[in-house]
Amino acid sequence: MNVGFIGLGIMGKPMSLNVQKAGNTVYAYDYHMERAEELIAAGGVTCSSGKEVAERADVIITMLQNSPNVEGALFDEGGVAEGLSAGKAVIDMSSIAPLASRDFAERLEKLGVDFLDAPVSGGEPKAIDGTIAVMVGGKPEVFAKYEELLKTMSSTVTLVGGVGAGNITKLANQMIVAINIAAISEAYSLAKKAGVDPENVYQAIRSGLAGSTVMDQKSEKIFKGDFTPGFRIELHIKDLQNALDTSHGVNVSAPFTSLAMEVMQSLKVNGHAKDDHSGIAEWYEMVNNFKLQ
C-alpha cells in the first residue's frame, strides 16, 4: 500500500518506520524534514508538501500535536486536501478535540474521501516496538479496509464508535493516566517522608490491585529523576484541556482531572513543560521540599 505520513515527531517517526518495515511505501512530509533520515534509510520517500503526499498515497496518516495543526496540514494552502481525490482516505492518529474530528470528516466527505480518527496510547517506547493501542472512530467498512495497516503499528486496534469516538476514548485514557501518575507520585512521597524506600513500595504493590501499566512504565523514571520526554507535560495539558472542555460540554464533572491539570500547569510555569509527564512527581518534590531519588 502507498501510505502518506504527515508528522514525524516523537511518535510519528517510529510509527512511520513500522508502516514502512511492514512492506508498504511511505510518502512523508514534516516541517522539519531532518526527522525523515531514518525513514529514507528504510526505503521511505519524502515529499515537498502535504499536497504531494496526498497525490502519491492511497491513504494519508496525520500524527500532529493538536486540532489546529491537523486542520492546517489538511486544509491550508499546499495541504493534503489539495492533493486528494475521491476514494482515498485520511486517518488522523493525533489526539485532538472530538468535535474537530467530526468537522474534518464532514469536509473531507464532500471530496469523496473517508476519514477515521485513530488516536494512540503507549508513548514513544511502544511506538518504537509497534505495540501502541489504537482507538478508532469511523464507519465500520472504512475501519475494516485499514485495520491491517493500523496493526502494523500496534498491538491492539479497536473500533469504538463513529467519527469522534476515537478521541473521546483517548481523552478518557489521558484522564486516567494523569490521575494515575499523580496517585503514584503522592504515594511514593508518603513513603519517602515516612522513611520507606519508594522502590521497595513499588516492588511490594506492583502485582496487587494498585499495580498498573502506568506504574510499571513511570516508576523507574521517577526513581531515577529522569524526565526525558516520552510524552511531554505540555502535550498532556493539551489533552486534559480537551477532556475538560468536552466533559463540561456534556455536563460531566471531572474534579480529579482538574486537579491533575493544575499540577501540570504549575510545572509548566516552573519550566518543566517539556519534561515527561512522569514529571508530575517533581511537583510533589517542590511542595514537600525533598527528592524522591
Protein backbone atom coordinates (compact mmCIF):
# COMPACT_ATOMS: atom_id res chain seq x y z
CA MET A 1 0.00 0.00 0.00
CA ASN A 2 1.15 3.55 -0.68
CA VAL A 3 0.81 5.32 2.67
CA GLY A 4 1.20 9.03 3.29
CA PHE A 5 2.51 10.19 6.66
CA ILE A 6 2.32 13.78 7.93
CA GLY A 7 4.23 14.38 11.16
CA LEU A 8 7.48 12.66 12.10
CA GLY A 9 7.84 13.67 15.73
CA ILE A 10 8.46 11.55 18.83
CA MET A 11 5.55 9.26 17.97
CA GLY A 12 5.15 9.76 14.23
CA LYS A 13 8.69 8.80 13.23
CA PRO A 14 8.71 5.31 14.77
CA MET A 15 5.14 4.71 13.64
CA SER A 16 6.03 5.58 10.04
CA LEU A 17 9.06 3.30 10.23
CA ASN A 18 6.86 0.39 11.32
CA VAL A 19 4.49 1.04 8.42
CA GLN A 20 7.45 1.05 6.02
CA LYS A 21 9.00 -2.09 7.53
CA ALA A 22 5.70 -3.94 7.06
CA GLY A 23 6.17 -3.74 3.27
CA ASN A 24 4.30 -0.54 2.49
CA THR A 25 5.80 2.51 0.79
CA VAL A 26 5.64 5.59 3.00
CA TYR A 27 5.47 9.07 1.46
CA ALA A 28 6.25 11.52 4.25
CA TYR A 29 6.22 15.21 4.98
CA ASP A 30 7.18 17.17 8.09
CA TYR A 31 8.06 20.82 8.68
CA HIS A 32 11.39 19.50 10.00
CA MET A 33 12.48 17.16 7.22
CA GLU A 34 15.70 16.20 9.02
CA ARG A 35 13.43 13.91 11.05
CA ALA A 36 12.97 11.76 7.92
CA GLU A 37 16.55 10.45 7.73
CA GLU A 38 15.78 7.05 9.29
CA LEU A 39 12.67 6.66 7.17
CA ILE A 40 14.62 7.40 3.98
CA ALA A 41 17.24 4.84 5.01
CA ALA A 42 14.44 2.29 5.43
CA GLY A 43 13.11 2.97 1.92
CA GLY A 44 10.60 5.73 2.60
CA VAL A 45 10.11 8.68 0.27
CA THR A 46 9.98 12.34 1.29
CA CYS A 47 7.63 14.87 -0.29
CA SER A 48 7.73 18.64 -0.52
CA SER A 49 4.20 19.24 0.82
CA GLY A 50 1.09 17.63 2.20
CA LYS A 51 -0.45 18.05 -1.24
CA GLU A 52 2.28 15.91 -2.82
CA VAL A 53 1.85 13.27 -0.12
CA ALA A 54 -1.87 13.07 -0.89
CA GLU A 55 -1.25 12.86 -4.63
CA ARG A 56 1.14 9.93 -4.27
CA ALA A 57 -0.51 7.94 -1.46
CA ASP A 58 -3.76 5.98 -1.27
CA VAL A 59 -4.29 6.68 2.45
CA ILE A 60 -2.81 9.57 4.42
CA ILE A 61 -1.98 9.34 8.13
CA THR A 62 -1.58 12.51 10.20
CA MET A 63 0.23 12.47 13.56
CA LEU A 64 0.35 16.04 14.89
CA GLN A 65 0.05 17.96 18.16
CA ASN A 66 -3.47 19.39 18.25
CA SER A 67 -6.60 20.26 16.30
CA PRO A 68 -5.23 23.46 14.65
CA ASN A 69 -2.13 21.60 13.46
CA VAL A 70 -4.24 18.88 11.86
CA GLU A 71 -6.58 21.41 10.29
CA GLY A 72 -3.63 23.30 8.82
CA ALA A 73 -2.00 20.14 7.46
CA LEU A 74 -5.25 19.11 5.82
CA PHE A 75 -6.77 22.34 4.57
CA ASP A 76 -4.14 25.10 4.34
CA GLU A 77 -2.64 26.08 1.00
CA GLY A 78 -0.48 23.20 -0.23
CA GLY A 79 -2.14 20.89 2.27
CA VAL A 80 -3.42 17.36 1.98
CA ALA A 81 -6.90 18.28 0.73
CA GLU A 82 -5.45 19.84 -2.43
CA GLY A 83 -3.93 16.52 -3.44
CA LEU A 84 -6.80 14.23 -2.53
CA SER A 85 -9.14 12.51 -4.94
CA ALA A 86 -12.32 10.51 -4.39
CA GLY A 87 -11.77 7.05 -2.95
CA LYS A 88 -8.77 7.96 -0.81
CA ALA A 89 -8.80 8.14 2.99
CA VAL A 90 -7.35 10.21 5.81
CA ILE A 91 -6.56 8.59 9.16
CA ASP A 92 -5.83 11.15 11.85
CA MET A 93 -3.84 9.47 14.64
CA SER A 94 -3.34 12.73 16.54
CA SER A 95 -5.01 13.35 19.89
CA ILE A 96 -7.40 16.22 19.21
CA ALA A 97 -10.83 17.56 20.13
CA PRO A 98 -13.61 15.13 19.10
CA LEU A 99 -15.70 17.90 17.54
CA ALA A 100 -12.74 18.85 15.35
CA SER A 101 -12.53 15.25 14.12
CA ARG A 102 -16.20 15.36 13.14
CA ASP A 103 -15.72 18.68 11.35
CA PHE A 104 -12.76 17.35 9.36
CA ALA A 105 -14.70 14.22 8.43
CA GLU A 106 -17.60 16.28 7.08
CA ARG A 107 -15.30 18.49 5.00
CA LEU A 108 -13.44 15.53 3.54
CA GLU A 109 -16.64 13.63 2.81
CA LYS A 110 -17.56 16.40 0.34
CA LEU A 111 -14.41 15.42 -1.58
CA GLY A 112 -15.38 11.74 -1.58
CA VAL A 113 -12.68 10.98 0.99
CA ASP A 114 -13.14 8.70 4.01
CA PHE A 115 -11.96 9.66 7.49
CA LEU A 116 -11.02 7.81 10.68
CA ASP A 117 -9.93 9.36 13.95
CA ALA A 118 -7.46 6.90 15.46
CA PRO A 119 -5.50 8.34 18.42
CA VAL A 120 -2.99 6.13 20.18
CA SER A 121 -1.74 5.29 23.65
CA GLY A 122 1.57 3.88 24.79
CA GLY A 123 4.18 6.60 24.37
CA GLU A 124 7.45 6.50 22.49
CA PRO A 125 8.68 3.06 23.68
CA LYS A 126 5.57 1.33 22.39
CA ALA A 127 5.59 3.41 19.19
CA ILE A 128 9.11 2.13 18.56
CA ASP A 129 8.32 -1.54 19.13
CA GLY A 130 4.94 -1.37 17.40
CA THR A 131 2.77 -2.14 20.42
CA ILE A 132 0.74 1.05 20.87
CA ALA A 133 -3.00 0.78 21.43
CA VAL A 134 -5.16 2.41 18.74
CA MET A 135 -8.73 3.54 19.43
CA VAL A 136 -10.68 4.23 16.25
CA GLY A 137 -13.77 6.21 15.36
CA GLY A 138 -15.41 5.91 11.96
CA LYS A 139 -17.55 3.82 9.66
CA PRO A 140 -17.13 0.04 10.15
CA GLU A 141 -16.46 -0.56 6.46
CA VAL A 142 -13.70 2.06 6.40
CA PHE A 143 -12.20 0.62 9.58
CA ALA A 144 -12.21 -2.87 8.04
CA LYS A 145 -10.35 -1.59 4.99
CA TYR A 146 -7.48 -0.12 7.02
CA GLU A 147 -7.41 -2.31 10.12
CA GLU A 148 -4.40 -4.34 8.92
CA LEU A 149 -2.48 -1.13 8.17
CA LEU A 150 -3.13 0.12 11.70
CA LYS A 151 -1.97 -3.22 13.09
CA THR A 152 1.49 -2.67 11.59
CA MET A 153 1.97 -0.03 14.30
CA SER A 154 0.12 -1.54 17.22
CA SER A 155 -0.72 -4.45 19.48
CA THR A 156 -4.43 -3.62 19.66
CA VAL A 157 -6.75 -1.79 17.28
CA THR A 158 -10.31 -1.22 18.47
CA LEU A 159 -13.26 0.39 16.69
CA VAL A 160 -15.08 2.22 19.49
CA GLY A 161 -17.81 4.04 17.55
CA GLY A 162 -18.42 6.67 14.89
CA VAL A 163 -16.12 9.55 13.97
CA GLY A 164 -15.02 11.34 17.15
CA ALA A 165 -15.36 8.25 19.34
CA GLY A 166 -11.66 7.52 19.00
CA ASN A 167 -10.75 10.86 20.50
CA ILE A 168 -13.39 10.57 23.22
CA THR A 169 -11.74 7.28 24.19
CA LYS A 170 -8.29 8.87 24.09
CA LEU A 171 -9.44 11.68 26.38
CA ALA A 172 -10.70 9.08 28.85
CA ASN A 173 -7.31 7.37 28.60
CA GLN A 174 -5.43 10.60 29.25
CA MET A 175 -7.58 11.42 32.26
CA ILE A 176 -6.80 8.01 33.77
CA VAL A 177 -3.07 8.25 33.00
CA ALA A 178 -2.66 11.73 34.52
CA ILE A 179 -4.56 10.85 37.68
CA ASN A 180 -2.64 7.56 37.95
CA ILE A 181 0.76 9.27 37.72
CA ALA A 182 -0.35 11.78 40.34
CA ALA A 183 -1.55 8.97 42.61
CA ILE A 184 1.70 7.00 42.48
CA SER A 185 3.75 10.19 42.94
CA GLU A 186 1.69 11.08 46.00
CA ALA A 187 2.03 7.57 47.44
CA TYR A 188 5.79 7.48 46.86
CA SER A 189 6.05 10.88 48.55
CA LEU A 190 4.29 9.49 51.63
CA ALA A 191 6.65 6.52 51.68
CA LYS A 192 9.78 8.65 51.29
CA LYS A 193 8.80 11.13 54.01
CA ALA A 194 7.89 8.23 56.33
CA GLY A 195 11.31 6.65 55.84
CA VAL A 196 10.36 3.79 53.50
CA ASP A 197 12.18 3.36 50.18
CA PRO A 198 9.67 4.10 47.37
CA GLU A 199 11.32 1.46 45.18
CA ASN A 200 10.57 -1.17 47.83
CA VAL A 201 6.97 0.07 47.95
CA TYR A 202 6.73 -0.31 44.18
CA GLN A 203 8.06 -3.88 44.25
CA ALA A 204 5.66 -4.79 47.05
CA ILE A 205 2.48 -3.45 45.47
CA ARG A 206 3.05 -3.69 41.71
CA SER A 207 1.38 -7.13 41.45
CA GLY A 208 -1.55 -6.18 43.64
CA LEU A 209 -4.69 -4.17 42.98
CA ALA A 210 -2.76 -0.88 42.82
CA GLY A 211 -0.49 -2.14 40.06
CA SER A 212 -0.85 -0.71 36.55
CA THR A 213 0.96 -0.23 33.28
CA VAL A 214 1.43 3.41 34.25
CA MET A 215 3.09 2.36 37.49
CA ASP A 216 5.41 -0.06 35.67
CA GLN A 217 6.38 2.40 32.95
CA LYS A 218 6.75 5.57 35.00
CA SER A 219 8.12 4.44 38.38
CA GLU A 220 11.65 3.87 37.10
CA LYS A 221 11.74 7.39 35.60
CA ILE A 222 10.54 8.83 38.89
CA PHE A 223 13.12 6.89 40.92
CA LYS A 224 15.94 7.97 38.61
CA GLY A 225 14.71 11.56 38.29
CA ASP A 226 14.95 11.06 34.53
CA PHE A 227 12.15 13.04 32.93
CA THR A 228 13.42 12.85 29.37
CA PRO A 229 10.19 13.14 27.40
CA GLY A 230 8.34 10.18 26.02
CA PHE A 231 5.17 12.24 26.31
CA ARG A 232 5.62 15.87 27.26
CA ILE A 233 3.74 17.63 30.05
CA GLU A 234 2.71 20.40 27.64
CA LEU A 235 1.02 17.83 25.39
CA HIS A 236 -0.76 16.20 28.31
CA ILE A 237 -2.02 19.65 29.32
CA LYS A 238 -3.48 19.97 25.83
CA ASP A 239 -5.25 16.62 26.19
CA LEU A 240 -6.63 17.45 29.62
CA GLN A 241 -7.90 20.81 28.36
CA ASN A 242 -9.76 18.95 25.59
CA ALA A 243 -11.02 16.47 28.19
CA LEU A 244 -12.33 19.21 30.46
CA ASP A 245 -13.91 21.15 27.59
CA THR A 246 -15.63 18.00 26.36
CA SER A 247 -16.69 16.97 29.88
CA HIS A 248 -18.24 20.36 30.53
CA GLY A 249 -19.89 20.28 27.11
CA VAL A 250 -21.76 17.09 28.03
CA ASN A 251 -22.38 18.14 31.66
CA VAL A 252 -19.90 15.80 33.35
CA SER A 253 -17.98 16.87 36.45
CA ALA A 254 -14.28 15.97 36.34
CA PRO A 255 -12.68 17.21 39.59
CA PHE A 256 -9.65 14.89 39.67
CA THR A 257 -8.82 15.73 36.05
CA SER A 258 -8.99 19.42 37.01
CA LEU A 259 -6.55 18.84 39.87
CA ALA A 260 -4.13 16.95 37.63
CA MET A 261 -4.38 19.77 35.11
CA GLU A 262 -3.49 22.39 37.73
CA VAL A 263 -0.49 20.35 38.89
CA MET A 264 0.76 20.19 35.30
CA GLN A 265 0.11 23.91 34.80
CA SER A 266 2.21 24.63 37.88
CA LEU A 267 5.04 22.53 36.45
CA LYS A 268 4.75 24.35 33.12
CA VAL A 269 5.02 27.73 34.85
CA ASN A 270 8.14 26.48 36.64
CA GLY A 271 9.90 25.49 33.42
CA HIS A 272 9.00 21.81 33.16
CA ALA A 273 6.63 21.92 30.17
CA LYS A 274 8.88 19.73 28.03
CA ASP A 275 9.55 17.12 30.72
CA ASP A 276 7.93 13.70 30.51
CA HIS A 277 4.53 13.59 32.20
CA SER A 278 6.05 11.36 34.88
CA GLY A 279 7.50 14.72 35.96
CA ILE A 280 4.27 15.20 37.93
CA ALA A 281 6.47 13.70 40.64
CA GLU A 282 8.55 16.89 40.51
CA TRP A 283 5.54 18.88 41.74
CA TYR A 284 5.37 16.71 44.86
CA GLU A 285 9.10 17.25 45.36
CA MET A 286 8.62 21.02 45.10
CA VAL A 287 5.71 21.30 47.53
CA ASN A 288 7.20 18.82 50.02
CA ASN A 289 10.78 20.16 49.74
CA PHE A 290 12.53 16.82 49.16
CA LYS A 291 13.70 14.48 46.40
CA LEU A 292 12.25 11.07 45.58
CA GLN A 293 15.59 9.82 44.24
